Amino acid sequence: MWEFYWGENMAKTSLGLDENIEGALCYLFGVLTGIVFFVLEKDSEFVRFHAMQSIIFGIVFFVVSFVLAIIPIVGWILDLLIMIGVLVLWIYLMYKAYKGEYYKLPYIGDIAEEQAKKINI
C-alpha cells in the first residue's frame, strides 16, 4: 500500500531532488513534465506514480476539451467551465504531491498506480 511522507521525511530521488518536489513538478507542464519525470526517475515509486497520473490526467483533459471544442456554443461553454475546474484540480494535485501524499484521482489514479508499477523504462 502507498505510504505517506511529510516534510523532512521525504527521500532523495535518483535525480537528487526530494520526492515531494519532484512529485509536484510532475504536474507543472502536464503531460510533458509527466513524461520527463517518468522516464528519468528510476528509484521513487512516489514520483513515478505522480508522473503517470499527470500523463493520464493531461491526456484525458485534452481529449475531453477537443471533443467539447467541436460542439458549437454549448460545448465551448462546457469546455470553459471544465478548464476552470481542471486548473483548480491541477493546483490541488501539485499541492498534494508537495505535501508528500499519494493522492489518487478517481479511476485515473488506479490506472496510474497500475501502469507506474508495470512500466519500467
PDB file of N, CA and C in Angstrom:
ATOM      1  N   MET A   1       0.841  -1.192   0.000  1.00  0.00           N
ATOM      2  CA  MET A   1       0.000   0.000   0.000  1.00  0.00           C
ATOM      3  C   MET A   1       0.875   1.240   0.000  1.00  0.00           C
ATOM      4  N   TRP A   2       0.341   2.318  -0.473  1.00  0.00           N
ATOM      5  CA  TRP A   2       1.079   3.573  -0.556  1.00  0.00           C
ATOM      6  C   TRP A   2       1.352   4.124   0.833  1.00  0.00           C
ATOM      7  N   GLU A   3       2.525   4.722   0.992  1.00  0.00           N
ATOM      8  CA  GLU A   3       2.913   5.337   2.245  1.00  0.00           C
ATOM      9  C   GLU A   3       2.779   6.845   2.120  1.00  0.00           C
ATOM     10  N   PHE A   4       2.630   7.502   3.276  1.00  0.00           N
ATOM     11  CA  PHE A   4       2.577   8.952   3.294  1.00  0.00           C
ATOM     12  C   PHE A   4       3.862   9.490   3.895  1.00  0.00           C
ATOM     13  N   TYR A   5       4.411  10.511   3.300  1.00  0.00           N
ATOM     14  CA  TYR A   5       5.624  11.153   3.780  1.00  0.00           C
ATOM     15  C   TYR A   5       5.287  12.609   4.090  1.00  0.00           C
ATOM     16  N   TRP A   6       5.942  13.165   5.056  1.00  0.00           N
ATOM     17  CA  TRP A   6       5.704  14.571   5.384  1.00  0.00           C
ATOM     18  C   TRP A   6       7.017  15.298   5.551  1.00  0.00           C
ATOM     19  N   GLY A   7       7.172  16.433   4.876  1.00  0.00           N
ATOM     20  CA  GLY A   7       8.292  17.336   5.054  1.00  0.00           C
ATOM     21  C   GLY A   7       9.653  16.700   4.956  1.00  0.00           C
ATOM     22  N   GLU A   8      10.407  16.727   6.074  1.00  0.00           N
ATOM     23  CA  GLU A   8      11.796  16.274   6.052  1.00  0.00           C
ATOM     24  C   GLU A   8      11.947  14.765   5.890  1.00  0.00           C
ATOM     25  N   ASN A   9      10.876  14.001   5.953  1.00  0.00           N
ATOM     26  CA  ASN A   9      10.947  12.551   5.800  1.00  0.00           C
ATOM     27  C   ASN A   9      11.025  12.116   4.336  1.00  0.00           C
ATOM     28  N   MET A  10      10.943  13.066   3.426  1.00  0.00           N
ATOM     29  CA  MET A  10      10.977  12.723   2.009  1.00  0.00           C
ATOM     30  C   MET A  10      12.393  12.277   1.629  1.00  0.00           C
ATOM     31  N   ALA A  11      12.456  11.217   0.881  1.00  0.00           N
ATOM     32  CA  ALA A  11      13.748  10.677   0.444  1.00  0.00           C
ATOM     33  C   ALA A  11      14.232  11.433  -0.793  1.00  0.00           C
ATOM     34  N   LYS A  12      15.512  11.340  -1.044  1.00  0.00           N
ATOM     35  CA  LYS A  12      16.078  11.893  -2.271  1.00  0.00           C
ATOM     36  C   LYS A  12      15.781  10.929  -3.411  1.00  0.00           C
ATOM     37  N   THR A  13      15.631  11.474  -4.586  1.00  0.00           N
ATOM     38  CA  THR A  13      15.339  10.650  -5.755  1.00  0.00           C
ATOM     39  C   THR A  13      16.627  10.380  -6.525  1.00  0.00           C
ATOM     40  N   SER A  14      16.512   9.615  -7.589  1.00  0.00           N
ATOM     41  CA  SER A  14      17.689   9.340  -8.414  1.00  0.00           C
ATOM     42  C   SER A  14      18.179  10.599  -9.127  1.00  0.00           C
ATOM     43  N   LEU A  15      17.337  11.632  -9.198  1.00  0.00           N
ATOM     44  CA  LEU A  15      17.730  12.901  -9.815  1.00  0.00           C
ATOM     45  C   LEU A  15      18.301  13.883  -8.795  1.00  0.00           C
ATOM     46  N   GLY A  16      18.273  13.499  -7.509  1.00  0.00           N
ATOM     47  CA  GLY A  16      18.861  14.329  -6.471  1.00  0.00           C
ATOM     48  C   GLY A  16      17.920  15.306  -5.797  1.00  0.00           C
ATOM     49  N   LEU A  17      16.658  15.357  -6.205  1.00  0.00           N
ATOM     50  CA  LEU A  17      15.675  16.225  -5.569  1.00  0.00           C
ATOM     51  C   LEU A  17      14.901  15.451  -4.509  1.00  0.00           C
ATOM     52  N   ASP A  18      14.221  16.162  -3.625  1.00  0.00           N
ATOM     53  CA  ASP A  18      13.312  15.492  -2.691  1.00  0.00           C
ATOM     54  C   ASP A  18      12.119  14.964  -3.477  1.00  0.00           C
ATOM     55  N   GLU A  19      11.557  13.857  -2.990  1.00  0.00           N
ATOM     56  CA  GLU A  19      10.431  13.241  -3.697  1.00  0.00           C
ATOM     57  C   GLU A  19       9.244  14.188  -3.830  1.00  0.00           C
ATOM     58  N   ASN A  20       8.964  14.954  -2.781  1.00  0.00           N
ATOM     59  CA  ASN A  20       7.802  15.835  -2.854  1.00  0.00           C
ATOM     60  C   ASN A  20       7.972  16.937  -3.899  1.00  0.00           C
ATOM     61  N   ILE A  21       9.182  17.444  -4.053  1.00  0.00           N
ATOM     62  CA  ILE A  21       9.444  18.471  -5.073  1.00  0.00           C
ATOM     63  C   ILE A  21       9.269  17.872  -6.465  1.00  0.00           C
ATOM     64  N   GLU A  22       9.865  16.734  -6.681  1.00  0.00           N
ATOM     65  CA  GLU A  22       9.734  16.074  -7.991  1.00  0.00           C
ATOM     66  C   GLU A  22       8.288  15.700  -8.277  1.00  0.00           C
ATOM     67  N   GLY A  23       7.586  15.204  -7.255  1.00  0.00           N
ATOM     68  CA  GLY A  23       6.179  14.837  -7.436  1.00  0.00           C
ATOM     69  C   GLY A  23       5.335  16.024  -7.873  1.00  0.00           C
ATOM     70  N   ALA A  24       5.563  17.182  -7.253  1.00  0.00           N
ATOM     71  CA  ALA A  24       4.823  18.389  -7.636  1.00  0.00           C
ATOM     72  C   ALA A  24       5.208  18.847  -9.039  1.00  0.00           C
ATOM     73  N   LEU A  25       6.487  18.749  -9.369  1.00  0.00           N
ATOM     74  CA  LEU A  25       6.949  19.172 -10.696  1.00  0.00           C
ATOM     75  C   LEU A  25       6.379  18.297 -11.813  1.00  0.00           C
ATOM     76  N   CYS A  26       5.992  17.074 -11.489  1.00  0.00           N
ATOM     77  CA  CYS A  26       5.389  16.187 -12.499  1.00  0.00           C
ATOM     78  C   CYS A  26       4.152  16.826 -13.125  1.00  0.00           C
ATOM     79  N   TYR A  27       3.455  17.655 -12.355  1.00  0.00           N
ATOM     80  CA  TYR A  27       2.217  18.277 -12.841  1.00  0.00           C
ATOM     81  C   TYR A  27       2.446  19.633 -13.488  1.00  0.00           C
ATOM     82  N   LEU A  28       3.637  20.209 -13.339  1.00  0.00           N
ATOM     83  CA  LEU A  28       3.877  21.593 -13.737  1.00  0.00           C
ATOM     84  C   LEU A  28       3.467  21.889 -15.178  1.00  0.00           C
ATOM     85  N   PHE A  29       3.929  21.111 -16.129  1.00  0.00           N
ATOM     86  CA  PHE A  29       3.570  21.305 -17.534  1.00  0.00           C
ATOM     87  C   PHE A  29       2.798  20.100 -18.080  1.00  0.00           C
ATOM     88  N   GLY A  30       2.026  19.469 -17.206  1.00  0.00           N
ATOM     89  CA  GLY A  30       1.131  18.393 -17.603  1.00  0.00           C
ATOM     90  C   GLY A  30       1.840  17.170 -18.159  1.00  0.00           C
ATOM     91  N   VAL A  31       1.406  16.755 -19.321  1.00  0.00           N
ATOM     92  CA  VAL A  31       1.925  15.534 -19.944  1.00  0.00           C
ATOM     93  C   VAL A  31       3.435  15.627 -20.162  1.00  0.00           C
ATOM     94  N   LEU A  32       3.916  16.788 -20.550  1.00  0.00           N
ATOM     95  CA  LEU A  32       5.339  16.966 -20.849  1.00  0.00           C
ATOM     96  C   LEU A  32       6.211  16.641 -19.629  1.00  0.00           C
ATOM     97  N   THR A  33       5.965  17.297 -18.503  1.00  0.00           N
ATOM     98  CA  THR A  33       6.786  17.022 -17.318  1.00  0.00           C
ATOM     99  C   THR A  33       6.488  15.640 -16.748  1.00  0.00           C
ATOM    100  N   GLY A  34       5.272  15.172 -16.936  1.00  0.00           N
ATOM    101  CA  GLY A  34       4.951  13.810 -16.510  1.00  0.00           C
ATOM    102  C   GLY A  34       5.830  12.788 -17.216  1.00  0.00           C
ATOM    103  N   ILE A  35       5.956  12.938 -18.521  1.00  0.00           N
ATOM    104  CA  ILE A  35       6.790  12.025 -19.304  1.00  0.00           C
ATOM    105  C   ILE A  35       8.260  12.154 -18.908  1.00  0.00           C
ATOM    106  N   VAL A  36       8.726  13.385 -18.772  1.00  0.00           N
ATOM    107  CA  VAL A  36      10.136  13.612 -18.424  1.00  0.00           C
ATOM    108  C   VAL A  36      10.474  12.925 -17.107  1.00  0.00           C
ATOM    109  N   PHE A  37       9.668  13.149 -16.079  1.00  0.00           N
ATOM    110  CA  PHE A  37       9.972  12.547 -14.781  1.00  0.00           C
ATOM    111  C   PHE A  37       9.721  11.042 -14.768  1.00  0.00           C
ATOM    112  N   PHE A  38       8.753  10.572 -15.551  1.00  0.00           N
ATOM    113  CA  PHE A  38       8.517   9.134 -15.597  1.00  0.00           C
ATOM    114  C   PHE A  38       9.701   8.407 -16.224  1.00  0.00           C
ATOM    115  N   VAL A  39      10.274   9.003 -17.246  1.00  0.00           N
ATOM    116  CA  VAL A  39      11.416   8.397 -17.934  1.00  0.00           C
ATOM    117  C   VAL A  39      12.693   8.512 -17.107  1.00  0.00           C
ATOM    118  N   LEU A  40      12.920   9.678 -16.510  1.00  0.00           N
ATOM    119  CA  LEU A  40      14.185   9.912 -15.818  1.00  0.00           C
ATOM    120  C   LEU A  40      14.249   9.317 -14.409  1.00  0.00           C
ATOM    121  N   GLU A  41      13.128   9.260 -13.707  1.00  0.00           N
ATOM    122  CA  GLU A  41      13.151   8.784 -12.323  1.00  0.00           C
ATOM    123  C   GLU A  41      13.148   7.259 -12.287  1.00  0.00           C
ATOM    124  N   LYS A  42      14.173   6.694 -11.688  1.00  0.00           N
ATOM    125  CA  LYS A  42      14.315   5.239 -11.646  1.00  0.00           C
ATOM    126  C   LYS A  42      14.003   4.645 -10.270  1.00  0.00           C
ATOM    127  N   ASP A  43      14.146   5.425  -9.191  1.00  0.00           N
ATOM    128  CA  ASP A  43      14.053   4.866  -7.842  1.00  0.00           C
ATOM    129  C   ASP A  43      12.719   5.087  -7.141  1.00  0.00           C
ATOM    130  N   SER A  44      12.121   6.242  -7.284  1.00  0.00           N
ATOM    131  CA  SER A  44      10.982   6.633  -6.461  1.00  0.00           C
ATOM    132  C   SER A  44       9.639   6.210  -7.063  1.00  0.00           C
ATOM    133  N   GLU A  45       8.942   5.327  -6.374  1.00  0.00           N
ATOM    134  CA  GLU A  45       7.593   4.948  -6.802  1.00  0.00           C
ATOM    135  C   GLU A  45       6.644   6.124  -6.649  1.00  0.00           C
ATOM    136  N   PHE A  46       6.883   6.954  -5.643  1.00  0.00           N
ATOM    137  CA  PHE A  46       6.065   8.144  -5.393  1.00  0.00           C
ATOM    138  C   PHE A  46       6.083   9.064  -6.620  1.00  0.00           C
ATOM    139  N   VAL A  47       7.261   9.357  -7.115  1.00  0.00           N
ATOM    140  CA  VAL A  47       7.398  10.251  -8.272  1.00  0.00           C
ATOM    141  C   VAL A  47       6.841   9.586  -9.521  1.00  0.00           C
ATOM    142  N   ARG A  48       7.125   8.319  -9.711  1.00  0.00           N
ATOM    143  CA  ARG A  48       6.626   7.611 -10.893  1.00  0.00           C
ATOM    144  C   ARG A  48       5.098   7.585 -10.914  1.00  0.00           C
ATOM    145  N   PHE A  49       4.481   7.404  -9.734  1.00  0.00           N
ATOM    146  CA  PHE A  49       3.018   7.429  -9.655  1.00  0.00           C
ATOM    147  C   PHE A  49       2.484   8.795 -10.073  1.00  0.00           C
ATOM    148  N   HIS A  50       3.031   9.868  -9.495  1.00  0.00           N
ATOM    149  CA  HIS A  50       2.538  11.207  -9.822  1.00  0.00           C
ATOM    150  C   HIS A  50       2.821  11.560 -11.282  1.00  0.00           C
ATOM    151  N   ALA A  51       3.938  11.111 -11.814  1.00  0.00           N
ATOM    152  CA  ALA A  51       4.241  11.353 -13.228  1.00  0.00           C
ATOM    153  C   ALA A  51       3.211  10.665 -14.119  1.00  0.00           C
ATOM    154  N   MET A  52       2.900   9.405 -13.821  1.00  0.00           N
ATOM    155  CA  MET A  52       1.922   8.672 -14.627  1.00  0.00           C
ATOM    156  C   MET A  52       0.522   9.273 -14.473  1.00  0.00           C
ATOM    157  N   GLN A  53       0.164   9.684 -13.270  1.00  0.00           N
ATOM    158  CA  GLN A  53      -1.149  10.304 -13.071  1.00  0.00           C
ATOM    159  C   GLN A  53      -1.222  11.620 -13.850  1.00  0.00           C
ATOM    160  N   SER A  54      -0.140  12.371 -13.883  1.00  0.00           N
ATOM    161  CA  SER A  54      -0.090  13.609 -14.650  1.00  0.00           C
ATOM    162  C   SER A  54      -0.263  13.343 -16.144  1.00  0.00           C
ATOM    163  N   ILE A  55       0.378  12.311 -16.641  1.00  0.00           N
ATOM    164  CA  ILE A  55       0.273  11.956 -18.059  1.00  0.00           C
ATOM    165  C   ILE A  55      -1.164  11.593 -18.412  1.00  0.00           C
ATOM    166  N   ILE A  56      -1.755  10.705 -17.633  1.00  0.00           N
ATOM    167  CA  ILE A  56      -3.123  10.246 -17.929  1.00  0.00           C
ATOM    168  C   ILE A  56      -4.125  11.382 -17.772  1.00  0.00           C
ATOM    169  N   PHE A  57      -3.979  12.170 -16.704  1.00  0.00           N
ATOM    170  CA  PHE A  57      -4.865  13.310 -16.464  1.00  0.00           C
ATOM    171  C   PHE A  57      -4.783  14.293 -17.636  1.00  0.00           C
ATOM    172  N   GLY A  58      -3.586  14.586 -18.097  1.00  0.00           N
ATOM    173  CA  GLY A  58      -3.406  15.507 -19.215  1.00  0.00           C
ATOM    174  C   GLY A  58      -4.029  14.995 -20.506  1.00  0.00           C
ATOM    175  N   ILE A  59      -3.866  13.717 -20.766  1.00  0.00           N
ATOM    176  CA  ILE A  59      -4.432  13.125 -21.990  1.00  0.00           C
ATOM    177  C   ILE A  59      -5.956  13.143 -21.930  1.00  0.00           C
ATOM    178  N   VAL A  60      -6.518  12.762 -20.795  1.00  0.00           N
ATOM    179  CA  VAL A  60      -7.983  12.759 -20.641  1.00  0.00           C
ATOM    180  C   VAL A  60      -8.526  14.174 -20.815  1.00  0.00           C
ATOM    181  N   PHE A  61      -7.884  15.148 -20.176  1.00  0.00           N
ATOM    182  CA  PHE A  61      -8.338  16.537 -20.313  1.00  0.00           C
ATOM    183  C   PHE A  61      -8.256  16.994 -21.769  1.00  0.00           C
ATOM    184  N   PHE A  62      -7.172  16.675 -22.454  1.00  0.00           N
ATOM    185  CA  PHE A  62      -7.010  17.077 -23.852  1.00  0.00           C
ATOM    186  C   PHE A  62      -8.132  16.498 -24.719  1.00  0.00           C
ATOM    187  N   VAL A  63      -8.417  15.218 -24.550  1.00  0.00           N
ATOM    188  CA  VAL A  63      -9.449  14.562 -25.364  1.00  0.00           C
ATOM    189  C   VAL A  63     -10.820  15.182 -25.099  1.00  0.00           C
ATOM    190  N   VAL A  64     -11.162  15.353 -23.817  1.00  0.00           N
ATOM    191  CA  VAL A  64     -12.458  15.946 -23.460  1.00  0.00           C
ATOM    192  C   VAL A  64     -12.560  17.369 -24.006  1.00  0.00           C
ATOM    193  N   SER A  65     -11.509  18.143 -23.857  1.00  0.00           N
ATOM    194  CA  SER A  65     -11.503  19.522 -24.344  1.00  0.00           C
ATOM    195  C   SER A  65     -11.628  19.577 -25.863  1.00  0.00           C
ATOM    196  N   PHE A  66     -10.935  18.672 -26.545  1.00  0.00           N
ATOM    197  CA  PHE A  66     -11.011  18.620 -28.003  1.00  0.00           C
ATOM    198  C   PHE A  66     -12.431  18.302 -28.475  1.00  0.00           C
ATOM    199  N   VAL A  67     -13.057  17.330 -27.847  1.00  0.00           N
ATOM    200  CA  VAL A  67     -14.424  16.946 -28.236  1.00  0.00           C
ATOM    201  C   VAL A  67     -15.395  18.095 -27.976  1.00  0.00           C
ATOM    202  N   LEU A  68     -15.278  18.733 -26.815  1.00  0.00           N
ATOM    203  CA  LEU A  68     -16.182  19.840 -26.496  1.00  0.00           C
ATOM    204  C   LEU A  68     -15.948  21.047 -27.402  1.00  0.00           C
ATOM    205  N   ALA A  69     -14.721  21.270 -27.841  1.00  0.00           N
ATOM    206  CA  ALA A  69     -14.420  22.399 -28.713  1.00  0.00           C
ATOM    207  C   ALA A  69     -15.071  22.252 -30.082  1.00  0.00           C
ATOM    208  N   ILE A  70     -15.382  21.041 -30.476  1.00  0.00           N
ATOM    209  CA  ILE A  70     -16.034  20.791 -31.763  1.00  0.00           C
ATOM    210  C   ILE A  70     -17.517  21.177 -31.724  1.00  0.00           C
ATOM    211  N   ILE A  71     -18.105  21.092 -30.529  1.00  0.00           N
ATOM    212  CA  ILE A  71     -19.539  21.367 -30.371  1.00  0.00           C
ATOM    213  C   ILE A  71     -19.741  22.879 -30.194  1.00  0.00           C
ATOM    214  N   PRO A  72     -20.452  23.514 -31.122  1.00  0.00           N
ATOM    215  CA  PRO A  72     -20.634  24.965 -31.018  1.00  0.00           C
ATOM    216  C   PRO A  72     -21.421  25.379 -29.766  1.00  0.00           C
ATOM    217  N   ILE A  73     -21.116  26.488 -29.243  1.00  0.00           N
ATOM    218  CA  ILE A  73     -21.710  27.211 -28.133  1.00  0.00           C
ATOM    219  C   ILE A  73     -21.795  26.396 -26.848  1.00  0.00           C
ATOM    220  N   VAL A  74     -22.638  25.391 -26.785  1.00  0.00           N
ATOM    221  CA  VAL A  74     -22.774  24.603 -25.556  1.00  0.00           C
ATOM    222  C   VAL A  74     -21.452  23.909 -25.214  1.00  0.00           C
ATOM    223  N   GLY A  75     -20.820  23.347 -26.206  1.00  0.00           N
ATOM    224  CA  GLY A  75     -19.530  22.691 -25.993  1.00  0.00           C
ATOM    225  C   GLY A  75     -18.468  23.671 -25.549  1.00  0.00           C
ATOM    226  N   TRP A  76     -18.483  24.867 -26.136  1.00  0.00           N
ATOM    227  CA  TRP A  76     -17.492  25.883 -25.781  1.00  0.00           C
ATOM    228  C   TRP A  76     -17.686  26.339 -24.330  1.00  0.00           C
ATOM    229  N   ILE A  77     -18.933  26.506 -23.937  1.00  0.00           N
ATOM    230  CA  ILE A  77     -19.221  26.917 -22.553  1.00  0.00           C
ATOM    231  C   ILE A  77     -18.799  25.816 -21.579  1.00  0.00           C
ATOM    232  N   LEU A  78     -19.153  24.581 -21.892  1.00  0.00           N
ATOM    233  CA  LEU A  78     -18.752  23.459 -21.037  1.00  0.00           C
ATOM    234  C   LEU A  78     -17.235  23.330 -20.977  1.00  0.00           C
ATOM    235  N   ASP A  79     -16.589  23.537 -22.114  1.00  0.00           N
ATOM    236  CA  ASP A  79     -15.130  23.461 -22.164  1.00  0.00           C
ATOM    237  C   ASP A  79     -14.507  24.519 -21.251  1.00  0.00           C
ATOM    238  N   LEU A  80     -15.032  25.712 -21.283  1.00  0.00           N
ATOM    239  CA  LEU A  80     -14.530  26.787 -20.421  1.00  0.00           C
ATOM    240  C   LEU A  80     -14.711  26.435 -18.944  1.00  0.00           C
ATOM    241  N   LEU A  81     -15.867  25.919 -18.593  1.00  0.00           N
ATOM    242  CA  LEU A  81     -16.127  25.525 -17.201  1.00  0.00           C
ATOM    243  C   LEU A  81     -15.194  24.393 -16.765  1.00  0.00           C
ATOM    244  N   ILE A  82     -14.994  23.442 -17.657  1.00  0.00           N
ATOM    245  CA  ILE A  82     -14.100  22.322 -17.338  1.00  0.00           C
ATOM    246  C   ILE A  82     -12.667  22.814 -17.198  1.00  0.00           C
ATOM    247  N   MET A  83     -12.262  23.765 -18.030  1.00  0.00           N
ATOM    248  CA  MET A  83     -10.907  24.319 -17.925  1.00  0.00           C
ATOM    249  C   MET A  83     -10.676  24.963 -16.556  1.00  0.00           C
ATOM    250  N   ILE A  84     -11.672  25.670 -16.055  1.00  0.00           N
ATOM    251  CA  ILE A  84     -11.555  26.282 -14.729  1.00  0.00           C
ATOM    252  C   ILE A  84     -11.420  25.197 -13.668  1.00  0.00           C
ATOM    253  N   GLY A  85     -12.245  24.159 -13.762  1.00  0.00           N
ATOM    254  CA  GLY A  85     -12.164  23.044 -12.823  1.00  0.00           C
ATOM    255  C   GLY A  85     -10.827  22.320 -12.901  1.00  0.00           C
ATOM    256  N   VAL A  86     -10.322  22.136 -14.103  1.00  0.00           N
ATOM    257  CA  VAL A  86      -9.039  21.458 -14.298  1.00  0.00           C
ATOM    258  C   VAL A  86      -7.902  22.295 -13.709  1.00  0.00           C
ATOM    259  N   LEU A  87      -7.966  23.601 -13.868  1.00  0.00           N
ATOM    260  CA  LEU A  87      -6.945  24.470 -13.286  1.00  0.00           C
ATOM    261  C   LEU A  87      -6.905  24.319 -11.760  1.00  0.00           C
ATOM    262  N   VAL A  88      -8.079  24.324 -11.133  1.00  0.00           N
ATOM    263  CA  VAL A  88      -8.156  24.151  -9.675  1.00  0.00           C
ATOM    264  C   VAL A  88      -7.629  22.772  -9.283  1.00  0.00           C
ATOM    265  N   LEU A  89      -8.038  21.740  -9.998  1.00  0.00           N
ATOM    266  CA  LEU A  89      -7.582  20.383  -9.697  1.00  0.00           C
ATOM    267  C   LEU A  89      -6.082  20.242  -9.923  1.00  0.00           C
ATOM    268  N   TRP A  90      -5.545  20.860 -10.954  1.00  0.00           N
ATOM    269  CA  TRP A  90      -4.115  20.838 -11.244  1.00  0.00           C
ATOM    270  C   TRP A  90      -3.316  21.420 -10.086  1.00  0.00           C
ATOM    271  N   ILE A  91      -3.757  22.570  -9.574  1.00  0.00           N
ATOM    272  CA  ILE A  91      -3.079  23.187  -8.424  1.00  0.00           C
ATOM    273  C   ILE A  91      -3.190  22.291  -7.197  1.00  0.00           C
ATOM    274  N   TYR A  92      -4.347  21.697  -6.993  1.00  0.00           N
ATOM    275  CA  TYR A  92      -4.569  20.795  -5.863  1.00  0.00           C
ATOM    276  C   TYR A  92      -3.660  19.562  -5.943  1.00  0.00           C
ATOM    277  N   LEU A  93      -3.502  18.996  -7.123  1.00  0.00           N
ATOM    278  CA  LEU A  93      -2.628  17.836  -7.306  1.00  0.00           C
ATOM    279  C   LEU A  93      -1.173  18.190  -7.012  1.00  0.00           C
ATOM    280  N   MET A  94      -0.748  19.354  -7.456  1.00  0.00           N
ATOM    281  CA  MET A  94       0.614  19.804  -7.158  1.00  0.00           C
ATOM    282  C   MET A  94       0.799  19.967  -5.651  1.00  0.00           C
ATOM    283  N   TYR A  95      -0.194  20.546  -4.997  1.00  0.00           N
ATOM    284  CA  TYR A  95      -0.140  20.750  -3.548  1.00  0.00           C
ATOM    285  C   TYR A  95      -0.057  19.415  -2.811  1.00  0.00           C
ATOM    286  N   LYS A  96      -0.889  18.461  -3.187  1.00  0.00           N
ATOM    287  CA  LYS A  96      -0.902  17.144  -2.536  1.00  0.00           C
ATOM    288  C   LYS A  96       0.431  16.430  -2.731  1.00  0.00           C
ATOM    289  N   ALA A  97       0.985  16.504  -3.929  1.00  0.00           N
ATOM    290  CA  ALA A  97       2.288  15.877  -4.182  1.00  0.00           C
ATOM    291  C   ALA A  97       3.365  16.566  -3.354  1.00  0.00           C
ATOM    292  N   TYR A  98       3.309  17.885  -3.271  1.00  0.00           N
ATOM    293  CA  TYR A  98       4.291  18.623  -2.484  1.00  0.00           C
ATOM    294  C   TYR A  98       4.206  18.268  -0.996  1.00  0.00           C
ATOM    295  N   LYS A  99       2.998  17.999  -0.525  1.00  0.00           N
ATOM    296  CA  LYS A  99       2.815  17.588   0.867  1.00  0.00           C
ATOM    297  C   LYS A  99       3.238  16.136   1.091  1.00  0.00           C
ATOM    298  N   GLY A 100       3.571  15.430   0.026  1.00  0.00           N
ATOM    299  CA  GLY A 100       4.051  14.066   0.145  1.00  0.00           C
ATOM    300  C   GLY A 100       2.963  13.011   0.164  1.00  0.00           C
ATOM    301  N   GLU A 101       1.806  13.331  -0.393  1.00  0.00           N
ATOM    302  CA  GLU A 101       0.679  12.400  -0.379  1.00  0.00           C
ATOM    303  C   GLU A 101       0.511  11.705  -1.730  1.00  0.00           C
ATOM    304  N   TYR A 102       0.151  10.452  -1.659  1.00  0.00           N
ATOM    305  CA  TYR A 102      -0.231   9.700  -2.853  1.00  0.00           C
ATOM    306  C   TYR A 102      -1.713   9.967  -3.086  1.00  0.00           C
ATOM    307  N   TYR A 103      -2.052  11.133  -3.551  1.00  0.00           N
ATOM    308  CA  TYR A 103      -3.456  11.453  -3.798  1.00  0.00           C
ATOM    309  C   TYR A 103      -3.858  10.865  -5.139  1.00  0.00           C
ATOM    310  N   LYS A 104      -4.828   9.962  -5.105  1.00  0.00           N
ATOM    311  CA  LYS A 104      -5.267   9.298  -6.324  1.00  0.00           C
ATOM    312  C   LYS A 104      -6.587   9.883  -6.797  1.00  0.00           C
ATOM    313  N   LEU A 105      -6.596  10.312  -8.047  1.00  0.00           N
ATOM    314  CA  LEU A 105      -7.846  10.733  -8.662  1.00  0.00           C
ATOM    315  C   LEU A 105      -8.720   9.505  -8.868  1.00  0.00           C
ATOM    316  N   PRO A 106     -10.050   9.660  -8.784  1.00  0.00           N
ATOM    317  CA  PRO A 106     -10.911   8.515  -9.063  1.00  0.00           C
ATOM    318  C   PRO A 106     -10.628   7.968 -10.460  1.00  0.00           C
ATOM    319  N   TYR A 107     -10.587   6.688 -10.575  1.00  0.00           N
ATOM    320  CA  TYR A 107     -10.360   5.937 -11.801  1.00  0.00           C
ATOM    321  C   TYR A 107      -8.971   6.196 -12.399  1.00  0.00           C
ATOM    322  N   ILE A 108      -8.621   7.444 -12.669  1.00  0.00           N
ATOM    323  CA  ILE A 108      -7.314   7.769 -13.248  1.00  0.00           C
ATOM    324  C   ILE A 108      -6.188   7.343 -12.313  1.00  0.00           C
ATOM    325  N   GLY A 109      -6.363   7.569 -11.019  1.00  0.00           N
ATOM    326  CA  GLY A 109      -5.345   7.208 -10.034  1.00  0.00           C
ATOM    327  C   GLY A 109      -5.067   5.717  -9.998  1.00  0.00           C
ATOM    328  N   ASP A 110      -6.120   4.917 -10.122  1.00  0.00           N
ATOM    329  CA  ASP A 110      -5.936   3.459 -10.131  1.00  0.00           C
ATOM    330  C   ASP A 110      -5.160   3.003 -11.366  1.00  0.00           C
ATOM    331  N   ILE A 111      -5.501   3.580 -12.504  1.00  0.00           N
ATOM    332  CA  ILE A 111      -4.785   3.247 -13.741  1.00  0.00           C
ATOM    333  C   ILE A 111      -3.325   3.683 -13.624  1.00  0.00           C
ATOM    334  N   ALA A 112      -3.097   4.884 -13.118  1.00  0.00           N
ATOM    335  CA  ALA A 112      -1.737   5.402 -12.964  1.00  0.00           C
ATOM    336  C   ALA A 112      -0.926   4.511 -12.033  1.00  0.00           C
ATOM    337  N   GLU A 113      -1.541   4.067 -10.958  1.00  0.00           N
ATOM    338  CA  GLU A 113      -0.851   3.193  -9.999  1.00  0.00           C
ATOM    339  C   GLU A 113      -0.420   1.886 -10.662  1.00  0.00           C
ATOM    340  N   GLU A 114      -1.323   1.274 -11.422  1.00  0.00           N
ATOM    341  CA  GLU A 114      -1.004   0.024 -12.117  1.00  0.00           C
ATOM    342  C   GLU A 114       0.105   0.227 -13.144  1.00  0.00           C
ATOM    343  N   GLN A 115      -0.029   1.262 -13.960  1.00  0.00           N
ATOM    344  CA  GLN A 115       0.926   1.497 -15.033  1.00  0.00           C
ATOM    345  C   GLN A 115       2.310   1.877 -14.495  1.00  0.00           C
ATOM    346  N   ALA A 116       2.338   2.648 -13.420  1.00  0.00           N
ATOM    347  CA  ALA A 116       3.617   3.064 -12.846  1.00  0.00           C
ATOM    348  C   ALA A 116       4.393   1.859 -12.330  1.00  0.00           C
ATOM    349  N   LYS A 117       3.672   0.854 -11.854  1.00  0.00           N
ATOM    350  CA  LYS A 117       4.334  -0.365 -11.360  1.00  0.00           C
ATOM    351  C   LYS A 117       4.746  -1.292 -12.506  1.00  0.00           C
ATOM    352  N   LYS A 118       3.943  -1.320 -13.590  1.00  0.00           N
ATOM    353  CA  LYS A 118       4.197  -2.223 -14.708  1.00  0.00           C
ATOM    354  C   LYS A 118       5.336  -1.762 -15.609  1.00  0.00           C
ATOM    355  N   ILE A 119       5.303  -0.484 -15.969  1.00  0.00           N
ATOM    356  CA  ILE A 119       6.218   0.037 -16.990  1.00  0.00           C
ATOM    357  C   ILE A 119       7.549   0.404 -16.356  1.00  0.00           C
ATOM    358  N   ASN A 120       8.603  -0.215 -16.853  1.00  0.00           N
ATOM    359  CA  ASN A 120       9.957   0.123 -16.420  1.00  0.00           C
ATOM    360  C   ASN A 120      10.760   0.569 -17.626  1.00  0.00           C
ATOM    361  N   ILE A 121      11.096   1.836 -17.621  1.00  0.00           N
ATOM    362  CA  ILE A 121      11.854   2.393 -18.751  1.00  0.00           C
ATOM    363  C   ILE A 121      13.303   2.494 -18.350  1.00  0.00           C
TER     364      ILE A 121
END
